[in-house]
């Protein structure tokens, strides 16, 4: 069975389905399984920043705002997993290209499996270049379950 599972989590319905499947598999492992929840945010250029909606009452660096929001999302995923009966749950936040960051995180934490939603909160870039889940399956040397 799996000892460590990575779940990229952006708070979308697809990510929640992937998290539910990860919880199910982690609980089924009688020897214990670590659940790693990763939320990735992208560095925004000035052009992207001008098109983004930011919190007007919270001035600050856009990267700091994005990191704070990503932390809230990751902690929400961790809470769902804990409430679902998982004991060994870790939440992480990282910045970078989403698919590559997911694969690097799975390598860093020596995860046996990546469980990812088929559709997330993706950007316009994802529609032009292909979905994140598709990219992860192509980049990862580890098993990937697309839910």
N, C-alpha and C. Protein backbone atom coordinates (compact mmCIF):
# COMPACT_ATOMS: atom_id res chain seq x y z
N UNK A 1 0.84 -1.18 0.00
CA UNK A 1 0.00 0.00 0.00
C UNK A 1 0.89 1.24 0.00
N UNK A 2 0.29 2.39 0.01
CA UNK A 2 1.03 3.65 -0.09
C UNK A 2 1.42 4.16 1.30
N UNK A 3 2.66 4.65 1.41
CA UNK A 3 3.13 5.22 2.68
C UNK A 3 2.97 6.73 2.70
N UNK A 4 2.99 7.35 1.53
CA UNK A 4 2.92 8.81 1.45
C UNK A 4 2.22 9.21 0.15
N UNK A 5 1.19 10.04 0.27
CA UNK A 5 0.40 10.50 -0.88
C UNK A 5 0.46 12.01 -0.95
N UNK A 6 0.64 12.53 -2.15
CA UNK A 6 0.60 13.98 -2.38
C UNK A 6 -0.71 14.33 -3.06
N UNK A 7 -1.40 15.34 -2.52
CA UNK A 7 -2.63 15.84 -3.13
C UNK A 7 -2.47 17.32 -3.41
N UNK A 8 -2.33 17.72 -4.67
CA UNK A 8 -2.36 19.14 -5.00
C UNK A 8 -3.78 19.65 -4.73
N UNK A 9 -3.90 20.74 -3.98
CA UNK A 9 -5.23 21.20 -3.53
C UNK A 9 -5.36 22.69 -3.75
N UNK A 10 -6.32 23.07 -4.61
CA UNK A 10 -6.58 24.49 -4.87
C UNK A 10 -7.96 24.92 -4.39
N UNK A 11 -8.67 24.03 -3.72
CA UNK A 11 -9.99 24.36 -3.19
C UNK A 11 -11.12 24.14 -4.18
N UNK A 12 -10.82 23.74 -5.39
CA UNK A 12 -11.84 23.51 -6.42
C UNK A 12 -12.60 22.21 -6.14
N UNK A 13 -13.77 22.04 -6.74
CA UNK A 13 -14.49 20.77 -6.58
C UNK A 13 -13.66 19.56 -7.02
N UNK A 14 -12.90 19.69 -8.09
CA UNK A 14 -12.05 18.60 -8.55
C UNK A 14 -10.98 18.25 -7.53
N UNK A 15 -10.39 19.27 -6.91
CA UNK A 15 -9.37 19.03 -5.88
C UNK A 15 -9.99 18.38 -4.65
N UNK A 16 -11.22 18.76 -4.32
CA UNK A 16 -11.90 18.15 -3.18
C UNK A 16 -12.19 16.67 -3.44
N UNK A 17 -12.56 16.34 -4.68
CA UNK A 17 -12.77 14.92 -5.02
C UNK A 17 -11.46 14.14 -4.90
N UNK A 18 -10.36 14.74 -5.35
CA UNK A 18 -9.06 14.08 -5.25
C UNK A 18 -8.68 13.89 -3.78
N UNK A 19 -8.94 14.91 -2.97
CA UNK A 19 -8.65 14.81 -1.54
C UNK A 19 -9.49 13.72 -0.88
N UNK A 20 -10.75 13.64 -1.25
CA UNK A 20 -11.62 12.57 -0.71
C UNK A 20 -11.05 11.19 -1.05
N UNK A 21 -10.59 11.00 -2.28
CA UNK A 21 -10.01 9.71 -2.68
C UNK A 21 -8.72 9.44 -1.90
N UNK A 22 -7.91 10.48 -1.70
CA UNK A 22 -6.67 10.32 -0.94
C UNK A 22 -6.97 9.94 0.51
N UNK A 23 -7.97 10.55 1.10
CA UNK A 23 -8.37 10.22 2.47
C UNK A 23 -8.79 8.76 2.54
N UNK A 24 -9.58 8.35 1.57
CA UNK A 24 -10.05 6.96 1.52
C UNK A 24 -8.87 5.98 1.45
N UNK A 25 -7.91 6.25 0.58
CA UNK A 25 -6.75 5.36 0.43
C UNK A 25 -5.85 5.40 1.66
N UNK A 26 -5.67 6.58 2.24
CA UNK A 26 -4.81 6.70 3.42
C UNK A 26 -5.41 5.93 4.60
N UNK A 27 -6.72 6.05 4.78
CA UNK A 27 -7.38 5.34 5.89
C UNK A 27 -7.38 3.83 5.67
N UNK A 28 -7.36 3.39 4.43
CA UNK A 28 -7.37 1.96 4.13
C UNK A 28 -6.03 1.30 4.45
N UNK A 29 -4.98 2.12 4.54
CA UNK A 29 -3.65 1.59 4.83
C UNK A 29 -3.50 1.40 6.34
N UNK A 30 -3.51 0.17 6.77
CA UNK A 30 -3.45 -0.16 8.20
C UNK A 30 -2.08 0.16 8.81
N UNK A 31 -1.04 0.27 7.98
CA UNK A 31 0.31 0.57 8.48
C UNK A 31 0.56 2.07 8.60
N UNK A 32 -0.42 2.88 8.25
CA UNK A 32 -0.28 4.33 8.32
C UNK A 32 0.16 4.92 7.00
N UNK A 33 -0.33 6.08 6.72
CA UNK A 33 -0.02 6.76 5.46
C UNK A 33 0.01 8.26 5.71
N UNK A 34 1.07 8.91 5.25
CA UNK A 34 1.19 10.35 5.37
C UNK A 34 0.47 11.00 4.18
N UNK A 35 -0.37 11.97 4.48
CA UNK A 35 -1.08 12.71 3.45
C UNK A 35 -0.45 14.09 3.36
N UNK A 36 0.10 14.42 2.19
CA UNK A 36 0.75 15.71 1.95
C UNK A 36 -0.15 16.54 1.05
N UNK A 37 -0.59 17.67 1.56
CA UNK A 37 -1.48 18.55 0.79
C UNK A 37 -0.66 19.76 0.34
N UNK A 38 -0.64 19.98 -0.96
CA UNK A 38 0.17 21.04 -1.56
C UNK A 38 -0.72 22.04 -2.28
N UNK A 39 -0.54 23.32 -1.96
CA UNK A 39 -1.19 24.38 -2.71
C UNK A 39 -0.09 25.20 -3.38
N UNK A 40 -0.20 25.34 -4.69
CA UNK A 40 0.80 26.05 -5.48
C UNK A 40 0.21 27.38 -5.94
N UNK A 41 0.99 28.43 -5.78
CA UNK A 41 0.58 29.72 -6.34
C UNK A 41 1.68 30.18 -7.28
N UNK A 42 1.27 30.97 -8.24
CA UNK A 42 2.22 31.44 -9.25
C UNK A 42 2.63 32.87 -8.96
N UNK A 43 3.89 33.17 -9.20
CA UNK A 43 4.38 34.55 -9.14
C UNK A 43 3.66 35.33 -10.24
N UNK A 44 3.16 36.49 -9.92
CA UNK A 44 2.43 37.29 -10.90
C UNK A 44 3.28 38.43 -11.42
N UNK A 45 3.28 38.60 -12.73
CA UNK A 45 3.95 39.74 -13.34
C UNK A 45 3.08 40.97 -13.13
N UNK A 46 3.60 42.12 -13.44
CA UNK A 46 2.82 43.35 -13.29
C UNK A 46 1.56 43.32 -14.17
N UNK A 47 1.65 42.74 -15.37
CA UNK A 47 0.49 42.64 -16.23
C UNK A 47 -0.57 41.77 -15.58
N UNK A 48 -0.15 40.61 -15.09
CA UNK A 48 -1.11 39.73 -14.43
C UNK A 48 -1.67 40.38 -13.17
N UNK A 49 -0.82 41.10 -12.46
CA UNK A 49 -1.27 41.77 -11.24
C UNK A 49 -2.34 42.81 -11.56
N UNK A 50 -2.19 43.51 -12.67
CA UNK A 50 -3.18 44.52 -13.03
C UNK A 50 -4.52 43.90 -13.41
N UNK A 51 -4.51 42.63 -13.84
CA UNK A 51 -5.73 41.95 -14.22
C UNK A 51 -6.34 41.15 -13.08
N UNK A 52 -5.57 40.99 -11.99
CA UNK A 52 -6.03 40.19 -10.86
C UNK A 52 -6.90 41.00 -9.93
N UNK A 53 -7.78 40.29 -9.26
CA UNK A 53 -8.57 40.94 -8.21
C UNK A 53 -7.83 40.73 -6.90
N UNK A 54 -7.51 41.82 -6.23
CA UNK A 54 -6.83 41.73 -4.94
C UNK A 54 -7.73 42.34 -3.88
N UNK A 55 -7.41 42.08 -2.67
CA UNK A 55 -8.19 42.60 -1.55
C UNK A 55 -7.84 44.07 -1.35
N UNK A 56 -8.75 45.00 -1.64
CA UNK A 56 -8.43 46.43 -1.57
C UNK A 56 -8.13 46.91 -0.15
N UNK A 57 -8.62 46.24 0.85
CA UNK A 57 -8.38 46.66 2.23
C UNK A 57 -7.10 46.08 2.81
N UNK A 58 -6.40 45.28 2.02
CA UNK A 58 -5.16 44.66 2.48
C UNK A 58 -4.04 44.98 1.49
N UNK A 59 -3.51 46.20 1.55
CA UNK A 59 -2.44 46.54 0.61
C UNK A 59 -1.20 45.70 0.89
N UNK A 60 -0.44 45.47 -0.14
CA UNK A 60 0.79 44.71 0.05
C UNK A 60 1.26 44.09 -1.24
N UNK A 61 2.35 43.44 -1.16
CA UNK A 61 2.95 42.77 -2.29
C UNK A 61 2.01 41.65 -2.75
N UNK A 62 1.77 41.57 -4.05
CA UNK A 62 0.84 40.57 -4.58
C UNK A 62 1.30 39.15 -4.27
N UNK A 63 2.61 38.90 -4.32
CA UNK A 63 3.10 37.56 -3.98
C UNK A 63 2.78 37.21 -2.53
N UNK A 64 2.91 38.19 -1.63
CA UNK A 64 2.57 37.94 -0.22
C UNK A 64 1.09 37.62 -0.06
N UNK A 65 0.26 38.34 -0.79
CA UNK A 65 -1.19 38.10 -0.73
C UNK A 65 -1.51 36.72 -1.29
N UNK A 66 -0.87 36.36 -2.40
CA UNK A 66 -1.10 35.05 -3.00
C UNK A 66 -0.62 33.93 -2.07
N UNK A 67 0.53 34.12 -1.43
CA UNK A 67 1.06 33.13 -0.50
C UNK A 67 0.11 32.96 0.70
N UNK A 68 -0.39 34.08 1.21
CA UNK A 68 -1.32 34.02 2.33
C UNK A 68 -2.60 33.27 1.94
N UNK A 69 -3.13 33.58 0.78
CA UNK A 69 -4.34 32.88 0.31
C UNK A 69 -4.05 31.39 0.12
N UNK A 70 -2.91 31.06 -0.48
CA UNK A 70 -2.54 29.65 -0.70
C UNK A 70 -2.42 28.92 0.63
N UNK A 71 -1.88 29.60 1.64
CA UNK A 71 -1.76 28.99 2.97
C UNK A 71 -3.14 28.69 3.55
N UNK A 72 -4.07 29.61 3.38
CA UNK A 72 -5.44 29.39 3.85
C UNK A 72 -6.07 28.18 3.14
N UNK A 73 -5.86 28.08 1.85
CA UNK A 73 -6.41 26.96 1.07
C UNK A 73 -5.79 25.64 1.53
N UNK A 74 -4.47 25.60 1.69
CA UNK A 74 -3.78 24.38 2.12
C UNK A 74 -4.26 23.96 3.51
N UNK A 75 -4.41 24.92 4.41
CA UNK A 75 -4.88 24.60 5.77
C UNK A 75 -6.32 24.11 5.75
N UNK A 76 -7.12 24.64 4.83
CA UNK A 76 -8.50 24.16 4.69
C UNK A 76 -8.48 22.69 4.24
N UNK A 77 -7.63 22.35 3.30
CA UNK A 77 -7.49 20.97 2.85
C UNK A 77 -7.04 20.06 3.99
N UNK A 78 -6.11 20.55 4.80
CA UNK A 78 -5.63 19.78 5.95
C UNK A 78 -6.77 19.54 6.94
N UNK A 79 -7.59 20.55 7.15
CA UNK A 79 -8.73 20.41 8.07
C UNK A 79 -9.71 19.36 7.56
N UNK A 80 -9.98 19.37 6.25
CA UNK A 80 -10.88 18.37 5.65
C UNK A 80 -10.32 16.96 5.88
N UNK A 81 -9.01 16.80 5.67
CA UNK A 81 -8.39 15.48 5.84
C UNK A 81 -8.45 15.02 7.29
N UNK A 82 -8.19 15.93 8.21
CA UNK A 82 -8.25 15.59 9.64
C UNK A 82 -9.68 15.20 10.04
N UNK A 83 -10.65 15.98 9.57
CA UNK A 83 -12.05 15.68 9.87
C UNK A 83 -12.48 14.37 9.21
N UNK A 84 -11.82 14.01 8.11
CA UNK A 84 -12.11 12.76 7.41
C UNK A 84 -11.47 11.54 8.06
N UNK A 85 -10.69 11.75 9.11
CA UNK A 85 -10.12 10.63 9.84
C UNK A 85 -8.65 10.37 9.62
N UNK A 86 -7.97 11.22 8.86
CA UNK A 86 -6.52 11.05 8.65
C UNK A 86 -5.77 11.71 9.81
N UNK A 87 -4.77 11.01 10.30
CA UNK A 87 -4.01 11.54 11.44
C UNK A 87 -2.71 12.22 11.02
N UNK A 88 -2.01 11.64 10.06
CA UNK A 88 -0.71 12.16 9.63
C UNK A 88 -0.89 13.00 8.37
N UNK A 89 -1.19 14.28 8.58
CA UNK A 89 -1.49 15.19 7.47
C UNK A 89 -0.56 16.40 7.57
N UNK A 90 0.02 16.76 6.43
CA UNK A 90 0.89 17.94 6.35
C UNK A 90 0.40 18.83 5.21
N UNK A 91 0.41 20.14 5.43
CA UNK A 91 0.01 21.09 4.40
C UNK A 91 1.22 21.93 4.01
N UNK A 92 1.43 22.10 2.72
CA UNK A 92 2.56 22.85 2.19
C UNK A 92 2.07 23.87 1.18
N UNK A 93 2.86 24.93 1.03
CA UNK A 93 2.60 25.95 0.02
C UNK A 93 3.90 26.14 -0.76
N UNK A 94 3.78 26.28 -2.07
CA UNK A 94 4.96 26.51 -2.91
C UNK A 94 4.59 27.45 -4.04
N UNK A 95 5.59 28.12 -4.57
CA UNK A 95 5.40 29.03 -5.69
C UNK A 95 6.13 28.49 -6.90
N UNK A 96 5.52 28.67 -8.07
CA UNK A 96 6.19 28.25 -9.29
C UNK A 96 5.22 27.73 -10.31
N UNK A 97 5.76 27.18 -11.38
CA UNK A 97 4.93 26.55 -12.39
C UNK A 97 4.22 25.38 -11.73
N UNK A 98 2.92 25.31 -11.87
CA UNK A 98 2.12 24.39 -11.08
C UNK A 98 2.51 22.93 -11.28
N UNK A 99 2.51 22.44 -12.49
CA UNK A 99 2.79 21.02 -12.74
C UNK A 99 4.18 20.63 -12.27
N UNK A 100 5.18 21.40 -12.62
CA UNK A 100 6.55 21.08 -12.22
C UNK A 100 6.73 21.15 -10.70
N UNK A 101 6.06 22.09 -10.07
CA UNK A 101 6.16 22.23 -8.61
C UNK A 101 5.52 21.03 -7.92
N UNK A 102 4.42 20.54 -8.48
CA UNK A 102 3.77 19.35 -7.92
C UNK A 102 4.71 18.15 -8.01
N UNK A 103 5.31 17.94 -9.16
CA UNK A 103 6.21 16.80 -9.35
C UNK A 103 7.43 16.93 -8.45
N UNK A 104 8.01 18.12 -8.35
CA UNK A 104 9.18 18.33 -7.48
C UNK A 104 8.81 18.09 -6.02
N UNK A 105 7.63 18.50 -5.62
CA UNK A 105 7.20 18.29 -4.24
C UNK A 105 7.02 16.80 -3.94
N UNK A 106 6.46 16.06 -4.89
CA UNK A 106 6.32 14.61 -4.71
C UNK A 106 7.68 13.95 -4.56
N UNK A 107 8.65 14.42 -5.32
CA UNK A 107 10.02 13.89 -5.21
C UNK A 107 10.63 14.27 -3.86
N UNK A 108 10.48 15.53 -3.48
CA UNK A 108 11.06 16.04 -2.23
C UNK A 108 10.53 15.27 -1.01
N UNK A 109 9.24 14.98 -1.01
CA UNK A 109 8.62 14.30 0.13
C UNK A 109 8.53 12.79 -0.06
N UNK A 110 9.17 12.28 -1.12
CA UNK A 110 9.23 10.86 -1.43
C UNK A 110 7.84 10.20 -1.39
N UNK A 111 6.90 10.83 -2.10
CA UNK A 111 5.53 10.33 -2.13
C UNK A 111 5.42 9.13 -3.08
N UNK A 112 4.61 8.17 -2.69
CA UNK A 112 4.39 6.98 -3.51
C UNK A 112 3.37 7.22 -4.60
N UNK A 113 2.52 8.24 -4.41
CA UNK A 113 1.40 8.47 -5.31
C UNK A 113 1.02 9.94 -5.29
N UNK A 114 0.63 10.45 -6.45
CA UNK A 114 0.04 11.78 -6.56
C UNK A 114 -1.41 11.58 -6.96
N UNK A 115 -2.32 12.18 -6.21
CA UNK A 115 -3.75 12.12 -6.56
C UNK A 115 -4.18 13.55 -6.88
N UNK A 116 -4.64 13.77 -8.10
CA UNK A 116 -4.94 15.11 -8.57
C UNK A 116 -6.31 15.15 -9.23
N UNK A 117 -7.01 16.25 -9.06
CA UNK A 117 -8.30 16.43 -9.71
C UNK A 117 -8.12 16.66 -11.20
N UNK A 118 -9.09 16.22 -11.97
CA UNK A 118 -8.98 16.37 -13.42
C UNK A 118 -9.16 17.82 -13.85
N UNK A 119 -9.86 18.59 -13.06
CA UNK A 119 -10.05 20.02 -13.34
C UNK A 119 -9.91 20.78 -12.04
N UNK A 120 -9.15 21.87 -12.09
CA UNK A 120 -8.97 22.71 -10.91
C UNK A 120 -9.36 24.13 -11.22
N UNK A 121 -8.71 25.04 -10.55
CA UNK A 121 -9.00 26.46 -10.70
C UNK A 121 -8.23 27.06 -11.87
N UNK A 122 -7.56 26.25 -12.66
CA UNK A 122 -6.67 26.65 -13.74
C UNK A 122 -6.82 28.05 -14.30
N UNK A 123 -5.83 28.44 -15.04
CA UNK A 123 -5.79 29.75 -15.67
C UNK A 123 -6.05 29.62 -17.16
N UNK A 124 -6.07 30.76 -17.83
CA UNK A 124 -6.24 30.76 -19.29
C UNK A 124 -5.13 29.95 -19.93
N UNK A 125 -3.92 30.02 -19.36
CA UNK A 125 -2.78 29.27 -19.88
C UNK A 125 -3.09 27.78 -19.93
N UNK A 126 -3.78 27.27 -18.91
CA UNK A 126 -4.10 25.85 -18.87
C UNK A 126 -5.00 25.45 -20.03
N UNK A 127 -5.91 26.32 -20.41
CA UNK A 127 -6.79 26.01 -21.53
C UNK A 127 -6.04 26.01 -22.85
N UNK A 128 -5.01 26.86 -22.95
CA UNK A 128 -4.24 26.93 -24.18
C UNK A 128 -3.20 25.82 -24.28
N UNK A 129 -2.60 25.43 -23.15
CA UNK A 129 -1.50 24.48 -23.17
C UNK A 129 -1.86 23.10 -22.65
N UNK A 130 -3.03 22.93 -22.11
CA UNK A 130 -3.40 21.64 -21.54
C UNK A 130 -3.53 21.73 -20.04
N UNK A 131 -4.26 20.82 -19.47
CA UNK A 131 -4.55 20.90 -18.04
C UNK A 131 -3.33 20.52 -17.21
N UNK A 132 -3.36 20.98 -15.96
CA UNK A 132 -2.28 20.67 -15.02
C UNK A 132 -2.19 19.16 -14.79
N UNK A 133 -3.33 18.51 -14.64
CA UNK A 133 -3.30 17.06 -14.40
C UNK A 133 -2.63 16.33 -15.57
N UNK A 134 -2.90 16.77 -16.77
CA UNK A 134 -2.27 16.16 -17.95
C UNK A 134 -0.76 16.36 -17.92
N UNK A 135 -0.33 17.56 -17.55
CA UNK A 135 1.11 17.85 -17.48
C UNK A 135 1.79 17.03 -16.40
N UNK A 136 1.12 16.91 -15.26
CA UNK A 136 1.70 16.14 -14.15
C UNK A 136 1.89 14.68 -14.57
N UNK A 137 0.90 14.11 -15.24
CA UNK A 137 1.03 12.71 -15.66
C UNK A 137 2.19 12.54 -16.63
N UNK A 138 2.46 13.54 -17.43
CA UNK A 138 3.56 13.46 -18.38
C UNK A 138 4.92 13.68 -17.74
N UNK A 139 4.98 14.48 -16.67
CA UNK A 139 6.26 14.82 -16.04
C UNK A 139 6.68 13.86 -14.93
N UNK A 140 5.71 13.26 -14.27
CA UNK A 140 6.01 12.47 -13.07
C UNK A 140 6.51 11.07 -13.41
N UNK A 141 7.50 10.64 -12.64
CA UNK A 141 7.96 9.25 -12.71
C UNK A 141 7.25 8.41 -11.67
N UNK A 142 6.43 9.06 -10.86
CA UNK A 142 5.67 8.40 -9.82
C UNK A 142 4.25 8.15 -10.34
N UNK A 143 3.55 7.19 -9.78
CA UNK A 143 2.15 6.98 -10.21
C UNK A 143 1.29 8.20 -9.94
N UNK A 144 0.39 8.49 -10.86
CA UNK A 144 -0.53 9.61 -10.73
C UNK A 144 -1.96 9.09 -10.94
N UNK A 145 -2.81 9.38 -9.98
CA UNK A 145 -4.22 9.03 -10.09
C UNK A 145 -4.99 10.32 -10.35
N UNK A 146 -5.63 10.41 -11.50
CA UNK A 146 -6.43 11.58 -11.85
C UNK A 146 -7.88 11.26 -11.53
N UNK A 147 -8.48 12.08 -10.66
CA UNK A 147 -9.86 11.85 -10.21
C UNK A 147 -10.77 12.87 -10.88
